[in-house]
Amino acid sequence: MKALKTFLKKSLILLLVIALNHLNAVAMVVDNPTQNAWNGAKRA
C-alpha cells in the first residue's frame, strides 16, 4: 500500500512536469508569430 502511494505521488509529479513542459511549448508556438510580427513592426 505504501509503495502504491509513493508510485502515485511520483507519477503525479511526472505528469505535472510533462504538463508544464507542454504548456511551455504551446506558449512558445503562440508567442513566436507575435514576436516575429513585433520585430517586423519595429524594423519597418
PDB file of N, CA and C in Angstrom:
ATOM      1  N   MET A   1       0.828  -1.199   0.000  1.00  0.00           N
ATOM      2  CA  MET A   1       0.000   0.000   0.000  1.00  0.00           C
ATOM      3  C   MET A   1       0.867   1.255   0.000  1.00  0.00           C
ATOM      4  N   LYS A   2       1.901   1.247   0.826  1.00  0.00           N
ATOM      5  CA  LYS A   2       2.787   2.414   0.893  1.00  0.00           C
ATOM      6  C   LYS A   2       3.517   2.606  -0.439  1.00  0.00           C
ATOM      7  N   ALA A   3       3.908   1.487  -1.041  1.00  0.00           N
ATOM      8  CA  ALA A   3       4.606   1.561  -2.322  1.00  0.00           C
ATOM      9  C   ALA A   3       3.696   2.172  -3.385  1.00  0.00           C
ATOM     10  N   LEU A   4       2.424   1.821  -3.319  1.00  0.00           N
ATOM     11  CA  LEU A   4       1.463   2.347  -4.289  1.00  0.00           C
ATOM     12  C   LEU A   4       1.325   3.859  -4.136  1.00  0.00           C
ATOM     13  N   LYS A   5       1.259   4.316  -2.899  1.00  0.00           N
ATOM     14  CA  LYS A   5       1.145   5.759  -2.637  1.00  0.00           C
ATOM     15  C   LYS A   5       2.368   6.492  -3.171  1.00  0.00           C
ATOM     16  N   THR A   6       3.543   5.930  -2.926  1.00  0.00           N
ATOM     17  CA  THR A   6       4.781   6.544  -3.411  1.00  0.00           C
ATOM     18  C   THR A   6       4.764   6.607  -4.937  1.00  0.00           C
ATOM     19  N   PHE A   7       4.313   5.511  -5.549  1.00  0.00           N
ATOM     20  CA  PHE A   7       4.251   5.441  -7.006  1.00  0.00           C
ATOM     21  C   PHE A   7       3.294   6.497  -7.557  1.00  0.00           C
ATOM     22  N   LEU A   8       2.143   6.630  -6.906  1.00  0.00           N
ATOM     23  CA  LEU A   8       1.152   7.612  -7.353  1.00  0.00           C
ATOM     24  C   LEU A   8       1.695   9.026  -7.233  1.00  0.00           C
ATOM     25  N   LYS A   9       2.392   9.288  -6.142  1.00  0.00           N
ATOM     26  CA  LYS A   9       2.978  10.620  -5.937  1.00  0.00           C
ATOM     27  C   LYS A   9       3.992  10.924  -7.032  1.00  0.00           C
ATOM     28  N   LYS A  10       4.835   9.933  -7.337  1.00  0.00           N
ATOM     29  CA  LYS A  10       5.877  10.134  -8.353  1.00  0.00           C
ATOM     30  C   LYS A  10       5.264  10.360  -9.726  1.00  0.00           C
ATOM     31  N   SER A  11       4.248   9.570 -10.065  1.00  0.00           N
ATOM     32  CA  SER A  11       3.639   9.717 -11.386  1.00  0.00           C
ATOM     33  C   SER A  11       2.888  11.039 -11.482  1.00  0.00           C
ATOM     34  N   LEU A  12       2.347  11.504 -10.348  1.00  0.00           N
ATOM     35  CA  LEU A  12       1.649  12.785 -10.327  1.00  0.00           C
ATOM     36  C   LEU A  12       2.629  13.916 -10.622  1.00  0.00           C
ATOM     37  N   ILE A  13       3.794  13.855  -9.978  1.00  0.00           N
ATOM     38  CA  ILE A  13       4.835  14.868 -10.185  1.00  0.00           C
ATOM     39  C   ILE A  13       5.296  14.835 -11.642  1.00  0.00           C
ATOM     40  N   LEU A  14       5.453  13.611 -12.165  1.00  0.00           N
ATOM     41  CA  LEU A  14       5.890  13.442 -13.546  1.00  0.00           C
ATOM     42  C   LEU A  14       4.867  14.055 -14.501  1.00  0.00           C
ATOM     43  N   LEU A  15       3.586  13.802 -14.210  1.00  0.00           N
ATOM     44  CA  LEU A  15       2.518  14.358 -15.042  1.00  0.00           C
ATOM     45  C   LEU A  15       2.538  15.880 -15.004  1.00  0.00           C
ATOM     46  N   LEU A  16       2.776  16.424 -13.825  1.00  0.00           N
ATOM     47  CA  LEU A  16       2.839  17.877 -13.671  1.00  0.00           C
ATOM     48  C   LEU A  16       3.972  18.455 -14.509  1.00  0.00           C
ATOM     49  N   VAL A  17       5.119  17.803 -14.447  1.00  0.00           N
ATOM     50  CA  VAL A  17       6.289  18.264 -15.205  1.00  0.00           C
ATOM     51  C   VAL A  17       5.996  18.221 -16.699  1.00  0.00           C
ATOM     52  N   ILE A  18       5.388  17.121 -17.142  1.00  0.00           N
ATOM     53  CA  ILE A  18       5.055  16.979 -18.558  1.00  0.00           C
ATOM     54  C   ILE A  18       4.053  18.047 -18.977  1.00  0.00           C
ATOM     55  N   ALA A  19       3.060  18.279 -18.122  1.00  0.00           N
ATOM     56  CA  ALA A  19       2.038  19.285 -18.425  1.00  0.00           C
ATOM     57  C   ALA A  19       2.669  20.674 -18.534  1.00  0.00           C
ATOM     58  N   LEU A  20       3.579  20.972 -17.611  1.00  0.00           N
ATOM     59  CA  LEU A  20       4.248  22.276 -17.623  1.00  0.00           C
ATOM     60  C   LEU A  20       5.082  22.442 -18.887  1.00  0.00           C
ATOM     61  N   ASN A  21       5.808  21.382 -19.261  1.00  0.00           N
ATOM     62  CA  ASN A  21       6.623  21.440 -20.471  1.00  0.00           C
ATOM     63  C   ASN A  21       5.746  21.649 -21.694  1.00  0.00           C
ATOM     64  N   HIS A  22       4.593  20.958 -21.702  1.00  0.00           N
ATOM     65  CA  HIS A  22       3.663  21.064 -22.815  1.00  0.00           C
ATOM     66  C   HIS A  22       3.137  22.493 -22.926  1.00  0.00           C
ATOM     67  N   LEU A  23       2.768  23.062 -21.784  1.00  0.00           N
ATOM     68  CA  LEU A  23       2.259  24.435 -21.766  1.00  0.00           C
ATOM     69  C   LEU A  23       3.327  25.403 -22.255  1.00  0.00           C
ATOM     70  N   ASN A  24       4.561  25.144 -21.845  1.00  0.00           N
ATOM     71  CA  ASN A  24       5.684  25.982 -22.253  1.00  0.00           C
ATOM     72  C   ASN A  24       5.842  25.952 -23.770  1.00  0.00           C
ATOM     73  N   ALA A  25       5.764  24.748 -24.341  1.00  0.00           N
ATOM     74  CA  ALA A  25       5.906  24.580 -25.781  1.00  0.00           C
ATOM     75  C   ALA A  25       4.776  25.301 -26.509  1.00  0.00           C
ATOM     76  N   VAL A  26       3.555  25.159 -25.986  1.00  0.00           N
ATOM     77  CA  VAL A  26       2.401  25.820 -26.598  1.00  0.00           C
ATOM     78  C   VAL A  26       2.573  27.336 -26.539  1.00  0.00           C
ATOM     79  N   ALA A  27       3.027  27.828 -25.393  1.00  0.00           N
ATOM     80  CA  ALA A  27       3.229  29.262 -25.224  1.00  0.00           C
ATOM     81  C   ALA A  27       4.272  29.773 -26.213  1.00  0.00           C
ATOM     82  N   MET A  28       5.313  28.989 -26.434  1.00  0.00           N
ATOM     83  CA  MET A  28       6.367  29.379 -27.367  1.00  0.00           C
ATOM     84  C   MET A  28       5.815  29.455 -28.784  1.00  0.00           C
ATOM     85  N   VAL A  29       5.020  28.458 -29.161  1.00  0.00           N
ATOM     86  CA  VAL A  29       4.452  28.412 -30.508  1.00  0.00           C
ATOM     87  C   VAL A  29       3.515  29.594 -30.721  1.00  0.00           C
ATOM     88  N   VAL A  30       2.724  29.893 -29.694  1.00  0.00           N
ATOM     89  CA  VAL A  30       1.785  31.010 -29.787  1.00  0.00           C
ATOM     90  C   VAL A  30       2.548  32.333 -29.797  1.00  0.00           C
ATOM     91  N   ASP A  31       3.611  32.381 -29.018  1.00  0.00           N
ATOM     92  CA  ASP A  31       4.371  33.615 -28.850  1.00  0.00           C
ATOM     93  C   ASP A  31       5.216  33.940 -30.083  1.00  0.00           C
ATOM     94  N   ASN A  32       5.637  32.921 -30.799  1.00  0.00           N
ATOM     95  CA  ASN A  32       6.569  33.110 -31.900  1.00  0.00           C
ATOM     96  C   ASN A  32       6.052  34.044 -32.995  1.00  0.00           C
ATOM     97  N   PRO A  33       4.858  33.802 -33.542  1.00  0.00           N
ATOM     98  CA  PRO A  33       4.361  34.721 -34.581  1.00  0.00           C
ATOM     99  C   PRO A  33       4.213  36.143 -34.060  1.00  0.00           C
ATOM    100  N   THR A  34       3.773  36.262 -32.811  1.00  0.00           N
ATOM    101  CA  THR A  34       3.621  37.585 -32.199  1.00  0.00           C
ATOM    102  C   THR A  34       4.971  38.273 -32.136  1.00  0.00           C
ATOM    103  N   GLN A  35       5.966  37.513 -31.724  1.00  0.00           N
ATOM    104  CA  GLN A  35       7.326  38.043 -31.607  1.00  0.00           C
ATOM    105  C   GLN A  35       7.832  38.479 -32.983  1.00  0.00           C
ATOM    106  N   ASN A  36       7.595  37.637 -33.981  1.00  0.00           N
ATOM    107  CA  ASN A  36       8.037  37.948 -35.335  1.00  0.00           C
ATOM    108  C   ASN A  36       7.352  39.199 -35.859  1.00  0.00           C
ATOM    109  N   ALA A  37       6.057  39.305 -35.611  1.00  0.00           N
ATOM    110  CA  ALA A  37       5.294  40.467 -36.068  1.00  0.00           C
ATOM    111  C   ALA A  37       5.813  41.723 -35.382  1.00  0.00           C
ATOM    112  N   TRP A  38       6.088  41.604 -34.092  1.00  0.00           N
ATOM    113  CA  TRP A  38       6.583  42.736 -33.308  1.00  0.00           C
ATOM    114  C   TRP A  38       7.938  43.194 -33.837  1.00  0.00           C
ATOM    115  N   ASN A  39       8.826  42.214 -34.109  1.00  0.00           N
ATOM    116  CA  ASN A  39      10.151  42.551 -34.632  1.00  0.00           C
ATOM    117  C   ASN A  39      10.034  43.196 -36.007  1.00  0.00           C
ATOM    118  N   GLY A  40       9.126  42.677 -36.824  1.00  0.00           N
ATOM    119  CA  GLY A  40       8.908  43.237 -38.152  1.00  0.00           C
ATOM    120  C   GLY A  40       8.401  44.663 -38.062  1.00  0.00           C
ATOM    121  N   ALA A  41       7.509  44.906 -37.118  1.00  0.00           N
ATOM    122  CA  ALA A  41       6.928  46.242 -36.946  1.00  0.00           C
ATOM    123  C   ALA A  41       7.999  47.221 -36.472  1.00  0.00           C
ATOM    124  N   LYS A  42       8.895  46.731 -35.633  1.00  0.00           N
ATOM    125  CA  LYS A  42       9.960  47.605 -35.115  1.00  0.00           C
ATOM    126  C   LYS A  42      10.934  47.973 -36.233  1.00  0.00           C
ATOM    127  N   ARG A  43      11.182  47.018 -37.144  1.00  0.00           N
ATOM    128  CA  ARG A  43      12.114  47.265 -38.241  1.00  0.00           C
ATOM    129  C   ARG A  43      11.521  48.234 -39.255  1.00  0.00           C
ATOM    130  N   ALA A  44      10.239  48.144 -39.464  1.00  0.00           N
ATOM    131  CA  ALA A  44       9.566  48.929 -40.512  1.00  0.00           C
ATOM    132  C   ALA A  44       9.673  50.431 -40.249  1.00  0.00           C
TER     133      ALA A  44
END
